Amino acid sequence: MNPTSAAPGSQASLREMNRLRVLDAVREHGTLTQVEIAGVTGLSAATVSNLVKELDGAGMVRLAPSIRNGRRATQVSIATSEGLLAAAVFGDRDIRVAIATGPRGIVSQKRMPLPADHAADEGMSRAARLVQELVEGVGREMSDLRSFVVGLPAPIDTVSGEVGSEGVMPGWRGVAVGPAMEDAVQVPVLVDNTANLAAMGEFKLGALQGVSTGVFLKVSYGVGAGLIIGGELFRGSAGTAGEIGHITIDENGPLCRCGNRGCLDTFVGAGAVLAALRDTHGTLTLKDVIARALDGDPGCRRVLEDSGRHLGVAVAGVVNLLNPEVVVLGGQVARVGEVVLAPMREAIERCAIPSAAATVQVRAGGLPPEEADVRGALTLADQVRDDADRAALAVG
């Protein structure tokens, strides 16, 4: 088959898509029998058998005899040559790194703290070193990596490939992160905003599965959003769609790190939450506030309830504009659940168009807050590998 023979809708194109469905099933679920692959993909047993033979011939899967329920079966696993995926996701004060065989197949992962004002060189050097440690720790080599996704808690300008705001992550401003990381790890690198990646994680594996139009809110030290429109992640014309934290809700409000006044981030970000509690509770961290709110501390609960109302007012505008089916709350603040969700719903009901407010569901994320963006990064890395597989299958 050559690249021009698999025309859209042709038998060759359908067969190519089905082969990728088989690969996806094995990547996500691990080793499966052919019967199990048929159950996961919905393909017939005969079709799966033929596709597995083709993939085995191409060296893309490994077959092994097995016994299941007293009967002979063939186990199918990804061939070693499939390689590994890597993700390095930066938070405001940490970095989380994972290597995997697919979005569900994390092989090894690690988290390390970072200073809040770290420079790009320091962050990228640590990411590259951690990935190498994880790869070597499972007996593999860096040459086994197929793709690598870096997540940053900042808007990413897809035109320049740089952080798209002077005031957000200033230590990374003006750095072309993708090429710099590619030089360090010698593998294709993609860079995206962590709210986008978390939205992808929830869309693939969590609370946004099956949703055509949805909004993911990442509320931790700052506020960001990932938008799912038409069943796909929407980044906008230059990659900065979803910056809900810098929507102005009070033009005479506090000065924001982005240079504007009264941004949502100045009302619900960690700085605002901690400042509101300083006189009564002393110096706390966001983690402290969340823990105390869960334990019933009235002051911490009240401040987070106020955050929920502010979030609801801002989200009401998004609900009016996009008319989403689902709004998902993620990030560290999602741990308090209804403390924030209930006032969010009340504000949306009060401020949004009644028909839009009546049809949107507002709920917590389906993945742990520290996991959604990593899973989304691995999902994006998997897409890069899929593109390479399509090219290989077409040539084959």
Protein backbone atom coordinates (compact mmCIF):
# COMPACT_ATOMS: atom_id res chain seq x y z
CA MET A 1 0.00 0.00 0.00
CA ASN A 2 1.31 3.46 -0.83
CA PRO A 3 0.33 6.85 0.66
CA THR A 4 -2.05 7.63 -2.19
CA SER A 5 -3.89 4.30 -2.26
CA ALA A 6 -5.70 4.71 1.07
CA ALA A 7 -8.28 7.25 -0.08
CA PRO A 8 -10.77 8.39 2.60
CA GLY A 9 -13.67 5.92 2.77
CA SER A 10 -11.82 3.24 0.79
CA GLN A 11 -11.34 -0.33 2.02
CA ALA A 12 -7.63 0.36 2.44
CA SER A 13 -8.37 3.43 4.55
CA LEU A 14 -10.85 1.48 6.70
CA ARG A 15 -8.32 -1.30 7.19
CA GLU A 16 -5.65 1.21 8.19
CA MET A 17 -8.01 2.76 10.74
CA ASN A 18 -8.86 -0.65 12.16
CA ARG A 19 -5.20 -1.54 12.56
CA LEU A 20 -4.71 1.65 14.55
CA ARG A 21 -7.76 0.75 16.67
CA VAL A 22 -6.09 -2.56 17.53
CA LEU A 23 -2.81 -0.79 18.40
CA ASP A 24 -4.66 1.78 20.54
CA ALA A 25 -6.47 -0.98 22.44
CA VAL A 26 -3.24 -2.80 23.30
CA ARG A 27 -1.43 0.42 24.23
CA GLU A 28 -4.17 1.59 26.56
CA HIS A 29 -5.10 -1.72 28.20
CA GLY A 30 -1.81 -3.60 28.10
CA THR A 31 -1.44 -7.18 26.88
CA LEU A 32 -4.75 -8.55 25.55
CA THR A 33 -5.92 -11.72 23.87
CA GLN A 34 -7.43 -11.42 20.42
CA VAL A 35 -10.87 -12.12 21.89
CA GLU A 36 -10.36 -9.26 24.38
CA ILE A 37 -9.25 -6.95 21.56
CA ALA A 38 -12.45 -7.76 19.70
CA GLY A 39 -14.45 -6.88 22.81
CA VAL A 40 -12.63 -3.57 23.33
CA THR A 41 -12.72 -2.44 19.69
CA GLY A 42 -16.06 -3.87 18.57
CA LEU A 43 -14.36 -5.55 15.62
CA SER A 44 -15.17 -9.16 14.72
CA ALA A 45 -12.86 -11.93 15.90
CA ALA A 46 -11.96 -12.80 12.30
CA THR A 47 -11.09 -9.18 11.50
CA VAL A 48 -8.94 -8.89 14.62
CA SER A 49 -7.12 -12.11 13.76
CA ASN A 50 -6.23 -10.84 10.28
CA LEU A 51 -5.20 -7.39 11.55
CA VAL A 52 -3.00 -8.89 14.29
CA LYS A 53 -1.24 -11.03 11.68
CA GLU A 54 -0.51 -7.92 9.61
CA LEU A 55 0.74 -5.98 12.62
CA ASP A 56 2.92 -8.92 13.68
CA GLY A 57 4.38 -9.06 10.18
CA ALA A 58 5.16 -5.36 10.39
CA GLY A 59 6.93 -5.86 13.72
CA MET A 60 4.49 -3.62 15.59
CA VAL A 61 3.10 -6.21 18.01
CA ARG A 62 4.45 -9.26 19.79
CA LEU A 63 2.47 -12.51 20.00
CA ALA A 64 2.68 -15.15 22.73
CA PRO A 65 0.68 -18.34 23.34
CA SER A 66 -1.47 -18.42 26.47
CA ILE A 67 -4.26 -20.32 28.18
CA ARG A 68 -7.45 -18.45 29.08
CA ASN A 69 -10.41 -20.21 30.71
CA GLY A 70 -8.88 -23.57 29.84
CA ARG A 71 -8.54 -22.70 26.17
CA ARG A 72 -5.58 -21.79 24.03
CA ALA A 73 -5.31 -18.08 23.27
CA THR A 74 -2.86 -15.69 21.68
CA GLN A 75 -1.70 -12.74 23.77
CA VAL A 76 -0.95 -9.54 21.89
CA SER A 77 1.40 -6.89 23.27
CA ILE A 78 3.14 -3.85 21.84
CA ALA A 79 6.53 -4.70 20.37
CA THR A 80 9.54 -3.19 22.09
CA SER A 81 10.23 -1.20 18.95
CA GLU A 82 7.01 0.74 19.65
CA GLY A 83 9.05 2.63 22.19
CA LEU A 84 8.00 4.87 25.05
CA LEU A 85 6.14 8.12 25.49
CA ALA A 86 7.30 10.81 27.90
CA ALA A 87 5.58 13.72 29.64
CA ALA A 88 7.01 16.52 31.77
CA VAL A 89 4.33 18.72 33.32
CA PHE A 90 5.32 21.84 35.23
CA GLY A 91 3.20 23.22 38.04
CA ASP A 92 3.71 26.51 39.80
CA ARG A 93 6.06 24.87 42.28
CA ASP A 94 6.81 21.38 40.97
CA ILE A 95 7.47 19.16 37.98
CA ARG A 96 5.86 15.77 37.34
CA VAL A 97 7.48 13.44 34.84
CA ALA A 98 6.17 10.14 33.48
CA ILE A 99 7.13 7.56 30.88
CA ALA A 100 4.48 5.28 29.44
CA THR A 101 3.43 2.93 26.67
CA GLY A 102 0.14 4.84 26.25
CA PRO A 103 -2.24 7.23 28.06
CA ARG A 104 -3.20 4.49 30.52
CA GLY A 105 0.08 2.59 30.51
CA ILE A 106 2.35 4.60 32.80
CA VAL A 107 5.56 2.65 33.36
CA SER A 108 7.26 4.99 35.84
CA GLN A 109 6.73 8.50 37.17
CA LYS A 110 8.25 10.99 39.59
CA ARG A 111 7.51 14.38 41.12
CA MET A 112 10.05 16.96 42.29
CA PRO A 113 9.62 20.47 43.77
CA LEU A 114 10.77 23.56 41.91
CA PRO A 115 11.15 27.14 43.12
CA ALA A 116 8.24 29.34 42.05
CA ASP A 117 10.55 31.73 40.18
CA HIS A 118 12.73 29.13 38.45
CA ALA A 119 14.26 29.90 35.06
CA ALA A 120 13.58 27.94 31.90
CA ASP A 121 17.10 26.51 31.73
CA GLU A 122 16.77 25.08 35.23
CA GLY A 123 13.33 23.61 34.55
CA MET A 124 14.24 22.04 31.22
CA SER A 125 17.50 20.63 32.57
CA ARG A 126 15.65 19.00 35.45
CA ALA A 127 12.95 17.62 33.13
CA ALA A 128 15.51 16.06 30.79
CA ARG A 129 17.45 14.56 33.69
CA LEU A 130 14.31 13.09 35.30
CA VAL A 131 13.13 11.53 32.05
CA GLN A 132 16.53 9.94 31.52
CA GLU A 133 16.51 8.59 35.09
CA LEU A 134 13.06 7.06 34.61
CA VAL A 135 13.95 5.51 31.25
CA GLU A 136 17.18 4.00 32.53
CA GLY A 137 15.43 2.93 35.73
CA VAL A 138 13.21 0.52 33.77
CA GLY A 139 16.12 -0.89 31.79
CA ARG A 140 15.54 1.10 28.62
CA GLU A 141 17.52 3.70 26.67
CA MET A 142 16.67 7.25 25.60
CA SER A 143 16.61 6.02 22.01
CA ASP A 144 13.46 4.06 22.97
CA LEU A 145 11.51 7.33 23.37
CA ARG A 146 9.15 8.07 20.47
CA SER A 147 7.66 11.41 21.56
CA PHE A 148 7.78 13.84 24.48
CA VAL A 149 5.21 16.43 25.58
CA VAL A 150 6.01 19.34 27.91
CA GLY A 151 3.20 21.10 29.79
CA LEU A 152 3.54 24.64 31.16
CA PRO A 153 1.05 26.54 33.37
CA ALA A 154 1.07 29.49 30.96
CA PRO A 155 -0.41 30.45 27.59
CA ILE A 156 1.66 28.99 24.74
CA ASP A 157 1.84 31.01 21.52
CA THR A 158 1.64 28.37 18.79
CA VAL A 159 3.08 30.80 16.24
CA SER A 160 6.33 31.50 18.11
CA GLY A 161 6.33 28.40 20.34
CA GLU A 162 7.03 30.62 23.35
CA VAL A 163 5.16 31.56 26.53
CA GLY A 164 2.54 34.03 25.35
CA SER A 165 2.46 36.46 28.30
CA GLU A 166 5.10 38.76 29.76
CA GLY A 167 3.81 38.37 33.33
CA VAL A 168 3.11 34.63 33.47
CA MET A 169 6.21 32.45 34.05
CA PRO A 170 8.61 35.33 33.30
CA GLY A 171 11.58 32.99 33.68
CA TRP A 172 10.42 31.20 30.52
CA ARG A 173 9.64 34.26 28.43
CA GLY A 174 11.35 34.33 25.02
CA VAL A 175 12.45 30.66 25.17
CA ALA A 176 11.54 28.34 22.29
CA VAL A 177 10.89 25.41 24.62
CA GLY A 178 10.23 22.74 21.99
CA PRO A 179 13.53 23.06 20.08
CA ALA A 180 15.50 23.52 23.30
CA MET A 181 14.07 20.32 24.81
CA GLU A 182 14.56 18.43 21.54
CA ASP A 183 18.25 19.30 21.70
CA ALA A 184 18.38 17.92 25.24
CA VAL A 185 16.50 14.64 24.71
CA GLN A 186 16.92 14.02 20.96
CA VAL A 187 13.24 13.16 20.43
CA PRO A 188 10.30 15.14 18.96
CA VAL A 189 8.90 17.51 21.62
CA LEU A 190 5.52 19.27 21.72
CA VAL A 191 4.64 22.01 24.21
CA ASP A 192 1.16 22.89 25.47
CA ASN A 193 -0.65 24.65 28.28
CA THR A 194 -1.36 22.43 31.30
CA ALA A 195 -5.08 23.32 31.36
CA ASN A 196 -5.31 22.13 27.74
CA LEU A 197 -3.50 18.93 28.65
CA ALA A 198 -5.76 18.32 31.65
CA ALA A 199 -8.80 18.88 29.43
CA MET A 200 -7.40 16.24 27.05
CA GLY A 201 -6.88 13.87 29.95
CA GLU A 202 -10.46 14.31 31.14
CA PHE A 203 -11.75 14.01 27.56
CA LYS A 204 -9.84 10.78 26.97
CA LEU A 205 -10.17 9.12 30.38
CA GLY A 206 -12.28 11.22 32.74
CA ALA A 207 -15.35 13.40 33.20
CA LEU A 208 -15.41 14.77 29.63
CA GLN A 209 -15.53 11.40 27.87
CA GLY A 210 -18.11 11.43 25.10
CA VAL A 211 -18.71 15.18 25.42
CA SER A 212 -18.85 17.24 22.22
CA THR A 213 -18.71 20.70 23.83
CA GLY A 214 -17.15 21.00 27.27
CA VAL A 215 -15.06 23.26 29.50
CA PHE A 216 -12.35 22.14 31.89
CA LEU A 217 -11.34 24.55 34.66
CA LYS A 218 -7.96 24.08 36.31
CA VAL A 219 -8.00 25.97 39.60
CA SER A 220 -4.82 25.72 41.67
CA TYR A 221 -2.31 28.52 42.24
CA GLY A 222 -3.78 30.16 39.13
CA VAL A 223 -6.82 29.61 36.93
CA GLY A 224 -6.93 28.28 33.38
CA ALA A 225 -9.38 26.51 31.11
CA GLY A 226 -9.28 23.91 28.37
CA LEU A 227 -12.04 23.99 25.75
CA ILE A 228 -13.46 20.97 23.95
CA ILE A 229 -15.43 22.07 20.88
CA GLY A 230 -16.82 19.62 18.35
CA GLY A 231 -15.12 16.76 20.17
CA GLU A 232 -11.65 18.29 19.80
CA LEU A 233 -9.41 20.49 21.90
CA PHE A 234 -9.75 24.13 20.80
CA ARG A 235 -6.58 26.21 21.09
CA GLY A 236 -7.60 29.31 19.12
CA SER A 237 -5.72 31.04 16.31
CA ALA A 238 -2.48 31.44 18.28
CA GLY A 239 -2.84 28.80 20.98
CA THR A 240 -4.02 31.00 23.85
CA ALA A 241 -7.73 30.10 23.97
CA GLY A 242 -9.00 29.24 27.45
CA GLU A 243 -7.18 31.91 29.46
CA ILE A 244 -10.22 32.42 31.69
CA GLY A 245 -8.02 33.46 34.61
CA HIS A 246 -7.32 36.73 32.81
CA ILE A 247 -10.91 37.63 32.04
CA THR A 248 -11.64 40.97 33.72
CA ILE A 249 -14.49 40.75 36.22
CA ASP A 250 -13.77 44.14 37.89
CA GLU A 251 -11.95 46.76 35.81
CA ASN A 252 -11.10 48.67 39.01
CA GLY A 253 -9.99 45.55 40.87
CA PRO A 254 -6.56 44.41 42.05
CA LEU A 255 -3.57 44.55 39.73
CA CYS A 256 -2.91 41.19 38.08
CA ARG A 257 0.48 39.70 37.19
CA CYS A 258 -0.55 39.96 33.51
CA GLY A 259 -0.68 43.77 33.84
CA ASN A 260 -4.46 44.20 33.83
CA ARG A 261 -6.76 44.90 36.75
CA GLY A 262 -9.52 42.80 38.22
CA CYS A 263 -8.75 39.52 36.43
CA LEU A 264 -10.51 36.43 37.73
CA ASP A 265 -7.11 35.17 38.90
CA THR A 266 -6.85 38.08 41.37
CA PHE A 267 -10.05 36.90 43.06
CA VAL A 268 -9.70 33.11 43.04
CA GLY A 269 -5.98 32.40 42.59
CA ALA A 270 -3.90 31.18 45.52
CA GLY A 271 -2.56 34.67 46.21
CA ALA A 272 -6.05 36.05 46.78
CA VAL A 273 -7.20 33.04 48.82
CA LEU A 274 -4.17 33.11 51.12
CA ALA A 275 -4.28 36.89 51.54
CA ALA A 276 -7.93 36.73 52.62
CA LEU A 277 -7.01 34.32 55.43
CA ARG A 278 -3.73 35.84 56.58
CA ASP A 279 -5.16 38.05 59.35
CA THR A 280 -7.16 35.22 60.93
CA HIS A 281 -5.12 32.13 60.08
CA GLY A 282 -1.56 33.36 59.66
CA THR A 283 0.68 32.07 56.89
CA LEU A 284 -0.85 29.09 55.09
CA THR A 285 -0.26 27.24 51.85
CA LEU A 286 -3.01 26.40 49.39
CA LYS A 287 -2.69 22.79 50.49
CA ASP A 288 -3.29 23.89 54.10
CA VAL A 289 -6.42 25.83 53.14
CA ILE A 290 -7.87 22.87 51.24
CA ALA A 291 -7.14 20.45 54.10
CA ARG A 292 -8.70 22.77 56.69
CA ALA A 293 -11.75 23.38 54.53
CA LEU A 294 -12.26 19.61 54.24
CA ASP A 295 -11.97 19.42 58.05
CA GLY A 296 -14.75 22.01 58.39
CA ASP A 297 -12.78 25.20 59.15
CA PRO A 298 -15.43 27.93 58.61
CA GLY A 299 -12.99 30.62 57.45
CA CYS A 300 -11.30 28.42 54.86
CA ARG A 301 -14.64 27.13 53.64
CA ARG A 302 -16.01 30.66 53.32
CA VAL A 303 -13.07 31.91 51.26
CA LEU A 304 -13.33 28.92 48.91
CA GLU A 305 -17.10 29.40 48.64
CA ASP A 306 -16.42 33.01 47.61
CA SER A 307 -14.00 31.67 44.99
CA GLY A 308 -16.75 29.40 43.71
CA ARG A 309 -19.10 32.35 43.24
CA HIS A 310 -16.46 34.35 41.36
CA LEU A 311 -15.72 31.33 39.18
CA GLY A 312 -19.44 30.92 38.47
CA VAL A 313 -19.79 34.53 37.34
CA ALA A 314 -16.89 34.14 34.89
CA VAL A 315 -18.05 30.71 33.71
CA ALA A 316 -21.56 32.06 33.10
CA GLY A 317 -20.08 34.17 30.30
CA VAL A 318 -18.45 31.08 28.82
CA VAL A 319 -21.74 29.18 29.14
CA ASN A 320 -23.53 31.96 27.26
CA LEU A 321 -20.85 31.99 24.56
CA LEU A 322 -20.26 28.26 24.01
CA ASN A 323 -23.37 26.59 25.47
CA PRO A 324 -21.32 23.61 26.75
CA GLU A 325 -22.81 20.32 27.87
CA VAL A 326 -20.41 19.96 30.80
CA VAL A 327 -18.16 22.19 32.90
CA VAL A 328 -15.55 20.22 34.86
CA LEU A 329 -13.69 21.59 37.87
CA GLY A 330 -10.11 20.32 38.20
CA GLY A 331 -6.87 21.39 39.80
CA GLN A 332 -6.08 21.34 43.51
CA VAL A 333 -9.19 23.30 44.49
CA ALA A 334 -11.38 20.53 43.04
CA ARG A 335 -10.51 18.47 46.12
CA VAL A 336 -13.03 20.47 48.17
CA GLY A 337 -15.84 19.42 45.83
CA GLU A 338 -19.21 20.93 46.63
CA VAL A 339 -17.67 23.68 48.75
CA VAL A 340 -16.77 25.32 45.43
CA LEU A 341 -19.13 23.55 43.03
CA ALA A 342 -22.37 24.53 44.78
CA PRO A 343 -21.73 28.32 44.70
CA MET A 344 -20.44 27.95 41.13
CA ARG A 345 -23.74 26.42 40.05
CA GLU A 346 -25.73 29.11 41.86
CA ALA A 347 -23.77 31.90 40.14
CA ILE A 348 -24.12 30.27 36.72
CA GLU A 349 -27.86 29.87 37.24
CA ARG A 350 -28.11 33.53 38.28
CA CYS A 351 -25.89 35.03 35.56
CA ALA A 352 -26.19 32.81 32.47
CA ILE A 353 -29.02 32.67 29.95
CA PRO A 354 -31.66 30.41 31.56
CA SER A 355 -31.76 27.88 28.71
CA ALA A 356 -27.95 27.56 28.68
CA ALA A 357 -27.74 27.36 32.49
CA ALA A 358 -30.47 24.72 32.59
CA THR A 359 -28.64 22.35 30.24
CA VAL A 360 -25.04 22.57 31.51
CA GLN A 361 -23.74 20.07 34.05
CA VAL A 362 -21.12 21.31 36.52
CA ARG A 363 -19.08 18.58 38.17
CA ALA A 364 -15.68 17.64 39.54
CA GLY A 365 -13.05 15.99 37.37
CA GLY A 366 -12.95 12.23 37.03
CA LEU A 367 -9.15 12.00 37.38
CA PRO A 368 -7.02 12.97 40.41
CA PRO A 369 -5.97 16.66 40.08
CA GLU A 370 -2.27 15.79 39.83
CA GLU A 371 -2.93 13.17 37.16
CA ALA A 372 -5.22 14.76 34.55
CA ASP A 373 -2.59 16.92 32.83
CA VAL A 374 -0.01 14.10 32.81
CA ARG A 375 -2.55 11.75 31.19
CA GLY A 376 -3.42 14.46 28.68
CA ALA A 377 0.25 14.98 27.85
CA LEU A 378 0.63 11.25 27.24
CA THR A 379 -2.50 11.34 25.07
CA LEU A 380 -0.93 14.06 22.93
CA ALA A 381 2.36 12.14 22.79
CA ASP A 382 0.41 9.06 21.70
CA GLN A 383 -1.14 11.05 18.85
CA VAL A 384 2.35 11.93 17.63
CA ARG A 385 3.26 8.25 17.67
CA ASP A 386 0.00 7.43 15.86
CA ASP A 387 0.92 9.88 13.10
CA ALA A 388 4.25 8.10 12.71
CA ASP A 389 2.47 4.74 12.66
CA ARG A 390 0.08 5.94 9.96
CA ALA A 391 3.03 6.92 7.82
CA ALA A 392 4.70 3.55 8.42
CA LEU A 393 1.51 1.63 7.63
CA ALA A 394 0.95 3.68 4.48
CA VAL A 395 4.45 2.97 3.25
CA GLY A 396 4.04 -0.70 4.14
